[in-house]
Amino acid sequence: MTFTQTDNAPSAIGPYSQAVVHNGLVYTSGQIALKPNGSDELLKENVILQAKQVLQNLRNVLEASGSSMEKVIKTTIFLADMNDFAVVNEVYEEAFDSHKPARSTVAVKTLPKNALVEIDAVAVVSE
């Protein structure tokens, strides 16, 4: 088992790792729209920009773990407001292109730092 730490994604804001690689799979922690500059600065503009930052952070964690967006097999999207489902879905589809991993989407009462969207993933590690 190995733990991922990359400066290309936000550091964990609690006692956990950005991702864990085990038995050929990488399990990412949930990513919110923090800029990966060590400031823990959350993009607050809107859910579209947050979703784009979240997916870029997720991409960077996956790549640092020896995987990629194309190797994702399952994601979970957490939304602060289910009314944002359609616009987040558009950003998500753009990020994954023709690759369509299994997915769950749930509405939650609040997310860390009052983020609007959080996404985690399970992916195959490159061989």
C-alpha atoms as a PDB file:
ATOM      1  CA  MET A   1       0.000   0.000   0.000  1.00  0.00           C
ATOM      2  CA  THR A   2       1.330   3.453  -0.911  1.00  0.00           C
ATOM      3  CA  PHE A   3       0.054   6.916  -0.129  1.00  0.00           C
ATOM      4  CA  THR A   4      -0.009   9.705  -2.697  1.00  0.00           C
ATOM      5  CA  GLN A   5       1.223  13.210  -2.001  1.00  0.00           C
ATOM      6  CA  THR A   6       1.621  15.698  -4.844  1.00  0.00           C
ATOM      7  CA  ASP A   7       2.065  19.449  -4.833  1.00  0.00           C
ATOM      8  CA  ASN A   8      -0.051  19.556  -8.024  1.00  0.00           C
ATOM      9  CA  ALA A   9      -3.201  19.089  -5.941  1.00  0.00           C
ATOM     10  CA  PRO A  10      -4.317  20.593  -2.636  1.00  0.00           C
ATOM     11  CA  SER A  11      -2.889  19.028   0.480  1.00  0.00           C
ATOM     12  CA  ALA A  12      -5.282  17.080   2.650  1.00  0.00           C
ATOM     13  CA  ILE A  13      -7.122  19.391   5.051  1.00  0.00           C
ATOM     14  CA  GLY A  14      -7.376  16.664   7.680  1.00  0.00           C
ATOM     15  CA  PRO A  15      -5.730  13.438   8.834  1.00  0.00           C
ATOM     16  CA  TYR A  16      -5.928  11.596   5.504  1.00  0.00           C
ATOM     17  CA  SER A  17      -4.008  11.123   2.241  1.00  0.00           C
ATOM     18  CA  GLN A  18      -4.748  12.540  -1.201  1.00  0.00           C
ATOM     19  CA  ALA A  19      -5.008   8.921  -2.375  1.00  0.00           C
ATOM     20  CA  VAL A  20      -4.051   5.364  -1.495  1.00  0.00           C
ATOM     21  CA  VAL A  21      -2.795   2.822  -4.031  1.00  0.00           C
ATOM     22  CA  HIS A  22      -3.457  -0.825  -3.171  1.00  0.00           C
ATOM     23  CA  ASN A  23      -3.728  -4.012  -5.242  1.00  0.00           C
ATOM     24  CA  GLY A  24      -3.665  -2.231  -8.595  1.00  0.00           C
ATOM     25  CA  LEU A  25      -6.270   0.382  -7.703  1.00  0.00           C
ATOM     26  CA  VAL A  26      -6.055   3.978  -6.556  1.00  0.00           C
ATOM     27  CA  TYR A  27      -8.668   5.314  -4.163  1.00  0.00           C
ATOM     28  CA  THR A  28      -8.730   9.099  -4.103  1.00  0.00           C
ATOM     29  CA  SER A  29      -9.948  11.268  -1.301  1.00  0.00           C
ATOM     30  CA  GLY A  30     -12.687  13.696  -2.201  1.00  0.00           C
ATOM     31  CA  GLN A  31     -11.471  16.777  -4.005  1.00  0.00           C
ATOM     32  CA  ILE A  32     -13.002  20.208  -3.570  1.00  0.00           C
ATOM     33  CA  ALA A  33     -12.139  23.389  -5.458  1.00  0.00           C
ATOM     34  CA  LEU A  34      -9.024  24.300  -3.500  1.00  0.00           C
ATOM     35  CA  LYS A  35      -6.181  25.778  -5.490  1.00  0.00           C
ATOM     36  CA  PRO A  36      -3.065  23.590  -5.233  1.00  0.00           C
ATOM     37  CA  ASN A  37      -0.848  26.421  -4.020  1.00  0.00           C
ATOM     38  CA  GLY A  38      -0.746  25.594  -0.319  1.00  0.00           C
ATOM     39  CA  SER A  39      -3.075  28.450   0.598  1.00  0.00           C
ATOM     40  CA  ASP A  40      -6.220  26.315   1.029  1.00  0.00           C
ATOM     41  CA  GLU A  41      -7.958  29.010  -1.032  1.00  0.00           C
ATOM     42  CA  LEU A  42     -11.357  27.847  -2.266  1.00  0.00           C
ATOM     43  CA  LEU A  43     -12.606  29.071  -5.635  1.00  0.00           C
ATOM     44  CA  LYS A  44     -15.896  30.665  -4.695  1.00  0.00           C
ATOM     45  CA  GLU A  45     -17.070  32.140  -8.007  1.00  0.00           C
ATOM     46  CA  ASN A  46     -19.602  29.495  -9.093  1.00  0.00           C
ATOM     47  CA  VAL A  47     -20.245  25.775  -9.327  1.00  0.00           C
ATOM     48  CA  ILE A  48     -18.912  25.549 -12.907  1.00  0.00           C
ATOM     49  CA  LEU A  49     -15.490  26.923 -11.969  1.00  0.00           C
ATOM     50  CA  GLN A  50     -15.488  24.823  -8.811  1.00  0.00           C
ATOM     51  CA  ALA A  51     -16.287  21.651 -10.771  1.00  0.00           C
ATOM     52  CA  LYS A  52     -13.488  22.386 -13.262  1.00  0.00           C
ATOM     53  CA  GLN A  53     -10.976  22.896 -10.427  1.00  0.00           C
ATOM     54  CA  VAL A  54     -12.199  19.764  -8.631  1.00  0.00           C
ATOM     55  CA  LEU A  55     -11.722  17.658 -11.766  1.00  0.00           C
ATOM     56  CA  GLN A  56      -8.267  19.144 -12.406  1.00  0.00           C
ATOM     57  CA  ASN A  57      -7.287  18.347  -8.812  1.00  0.00           C
ATOM     58  CA  LEU A  58      -8.641  14.829  -9.268  1.00  0.00           C
ATOM     59  CA  ARG A  59      -6.690  14.423 -12.532  1.00  0.00           C
ATOM     60  CA  ASN A  60      -3.471  15.545 -10.808  1.00  0.00           C
ATOM     61  CA  VAL A  61      -3.943  13.140  -7.889  1.00  0.00           C
ATOM     62  CA  LEU A  62      -4.668  10.264 -10.266  1.00  0.00           C
ATOM     63  CA  GLU A  63      -1.585  11.008 -12.367  1.00  0.00           C
ATOM     64  CA  ALA A  64       0.608  11.286  -9.256  1.00  0.00           C
ATOM     65  CA  SER A  65      -0.745   7.861  -8.263  1.00  0.00           C
ATOM     66  CA  GLY A  66       0.182   6.247 -11.598  1.00  0.00           C
ATOM     67  CA  SER A  67      -3.289   6.408 -13.113  1.00  0.00           C
ATOM     68  CA  SER A  68      -5.401   8.745 -15.235  1.00  0.00           C
ATOM     69  CA  MET A  69      -8.947   9.932 -15.872  1.00  0.00           C
ATOM     70  CA  GLU A  70      -9.249   7.279 -18.598  1.00  0.00           C
ATOM     71  CA  LYS A  71      -8.656   4.542 -16.019  1.00  0.00           C
ATOM     72  CA  VAL A  72     -11.335   5.680 -13.550  1.00  0.00           C
ATOM     73  CA  ILE A  73     -13.865   2.947 -12.844  1.00  0.00           C
ATOM     74  CA  LYS A  74     -16.102   4.699 -10.266  1.00  0.00           C
ATOM     75  CA  THR A  75     -16.730   8.226  -9.039  1.00  0.00           C
ATOM     76  CA  THR A  76     -18.927   9.786  -6.419  1.00  0.00           C
ATOM     77  CA  ILE A  77     -20.120  13.371  -6.787  1.00  0.00           C
ATOM     78  CA  PHE A  78     -21.319  15.255  -3.736  1.00  0.00           C
ATOM     79  CA  LEU A  79     -23.369  18.386  -4.417  1.00  0.00           C
ATOM     80  CA  ALA A  80     -24.397  21.070  -1.957  1.00  0.00           C
ATOM     81  CA  ASP A  81     -27.416  21.730  -4.188  1.00  0.00           C
ATOM     82  CA  MET A  82     -28.979  19.148  -6.515  1.00  0.00           C
ATOM     83  CA  ASN A  83     -30.099  22.051  -8.727  1.00  0.00           C
ATOM     84  CA  ASP A  84     -26.440  22.158  -9.855  1.00  0.00           C
ATOM     85  CA  PHE A  85     -26.631  18.591 -11.215  1.00  0.00           C
ATOM     86  CA  ALA A  86     -27.024  19.565 -14.898  1.00  0.00           C
ATOM     87  CA  VAL A  87     -24.163  22.071 -15.029  1.00  0.00           C
ATOM     88  CA  VAL A  88     -21.795  19.858 -13.049  1.00  0.00           C
ATOM     89  CA  ASN A  89     -22.749  16.981 -15.341  1.00  0.00           C
ATOM     90  CA  GLU A  90     -21.680  19.067 -18.373  1.00  0.00           C
ATOM     91  CA  VAL A  91     -18.277  19.852 -16.836  1.00  0.00           C
ATOM     92  CA  TYR A  92     -17.877  16.203 -15.783  1.00  0.00           C
ATOM     93  CA  GLU A  93     -18.700  14.946 -19.281  1.00  0.00           C
ATOM     94  CA  GLU A  94     -16.141  17.337 -20.775  1.00  0.00           C
ATOM     95  CA  ALA A  95     -13.451  16.094 -18.362  1.00  0.00           C
ATOM     96  CA  PHE A  96     -14.118  12.406 -19.058  1.00  0.00           C
ATOM     97  CA  ASP A  97     -14.932  12.763 -22.787  1.00  0.00           C
ATOM     98  CA  SER A  98     -16.097   9.384 -24.112  1.00  0.00           C
ATOM     99  CA  HIS A  99     -14.945   7.480 -20.989  1.00  0.00           C
ATOM    100  CA  LYS A 100     -17.950   6.780 -18.788  1.00  0.00           C
ATOM    101  CA  PRO A 101     -17.091   5.335 -15.363  1.00  0.00           C
ATOM    102  CA  ALA A 102     -19.792   4.166 -12.984  1.00  0.00           C
ATOM    103  CA  ARG A 103     -21.000   7.046 -10.827  1.00  0.00           C
ATOM    104  CA  SER A 104     -23.139   8.046  -7.901  1.00  0.00           C
ATOM    105  CA  THR A 105     -24.307  11.600  -7.264  1.00  0.00           C
ATOM    106  CA  VAL A 106     -25.727  12.671  -3.930  1.00  0.00           C
ATOM    107  CA  ALA A 107     -26.870  15.931  -2.400  1.00  0.00           C
ATOM    108  CA  VAL A 108     -25.386  16.733   0.991  1.00  0.00           C
ATOM    109  CA  LYS A 109     -26.198  19.339   3.594  1.00  0.00           C
ATOM    110  CA  THR A 110     -22.735  20.942   3.523  1.00  0.00           C
ATOM    111  CA  LEU A 111     -19.255  20.209   2.214  1.00  0.00           C
ATOM    112  CA  PRO A 112     -15.860  21.157   3.684  1.00  0.00           C
ATOM    113  CA  LYS A 113     -15.199  24.901   3.468  1.00  0.00           C
ATOM    114  CA  ASN A 114     -18.769  25.299   2.144  1.00  0.00           C
ATOM    115  CA  ALA A 115     -17.701  24.025  -1.276  1.00  0.00           C
ATOM    116  CA  LEU A 116     -20.439  23.468  -3.844  1.00  0.00           C
ATOM    117  CA  VAL A 117     -19.086  20.195  -5.260  1.00  0.00           C
ATOM    118  CA  GLU A 118     -16.754  17.370  -4.203  1.00  0.00           C
ATOM    119  CA  ILE A 119     -15.700  14.347  -6.253  1.00  0.00           C
ATOM    120  CA  ASP A 120     -13.750  11.203  -5.401  1.00  0.00           C
ATOM    121  CA  ALA A 121     -12.734   8.295  -7.618  1.00  0.00           C
ATOM    122  CA  VAL A 122     -11.463   4.739  -7.821  1.00  0.00           C
ATOM    123  CA  ALA A 123      -9.177   3.987 -10.766  1.00  0.00           C
ATOM    124  CA  VAL A 124      -6.896   1.307 -12.135  1.00  0.00           C
ATOM    125  CA  VAL A 125      -3.193   2.008 -11.722  1.00  0.00           C
ATOM    126  CA  SER A 126      -1.155   1.996 -14.943  1.00  0.00           C
ATOM    127  CA  GLU A 127       0.922  -1.100 -15.462  1.00  0.00           C
END
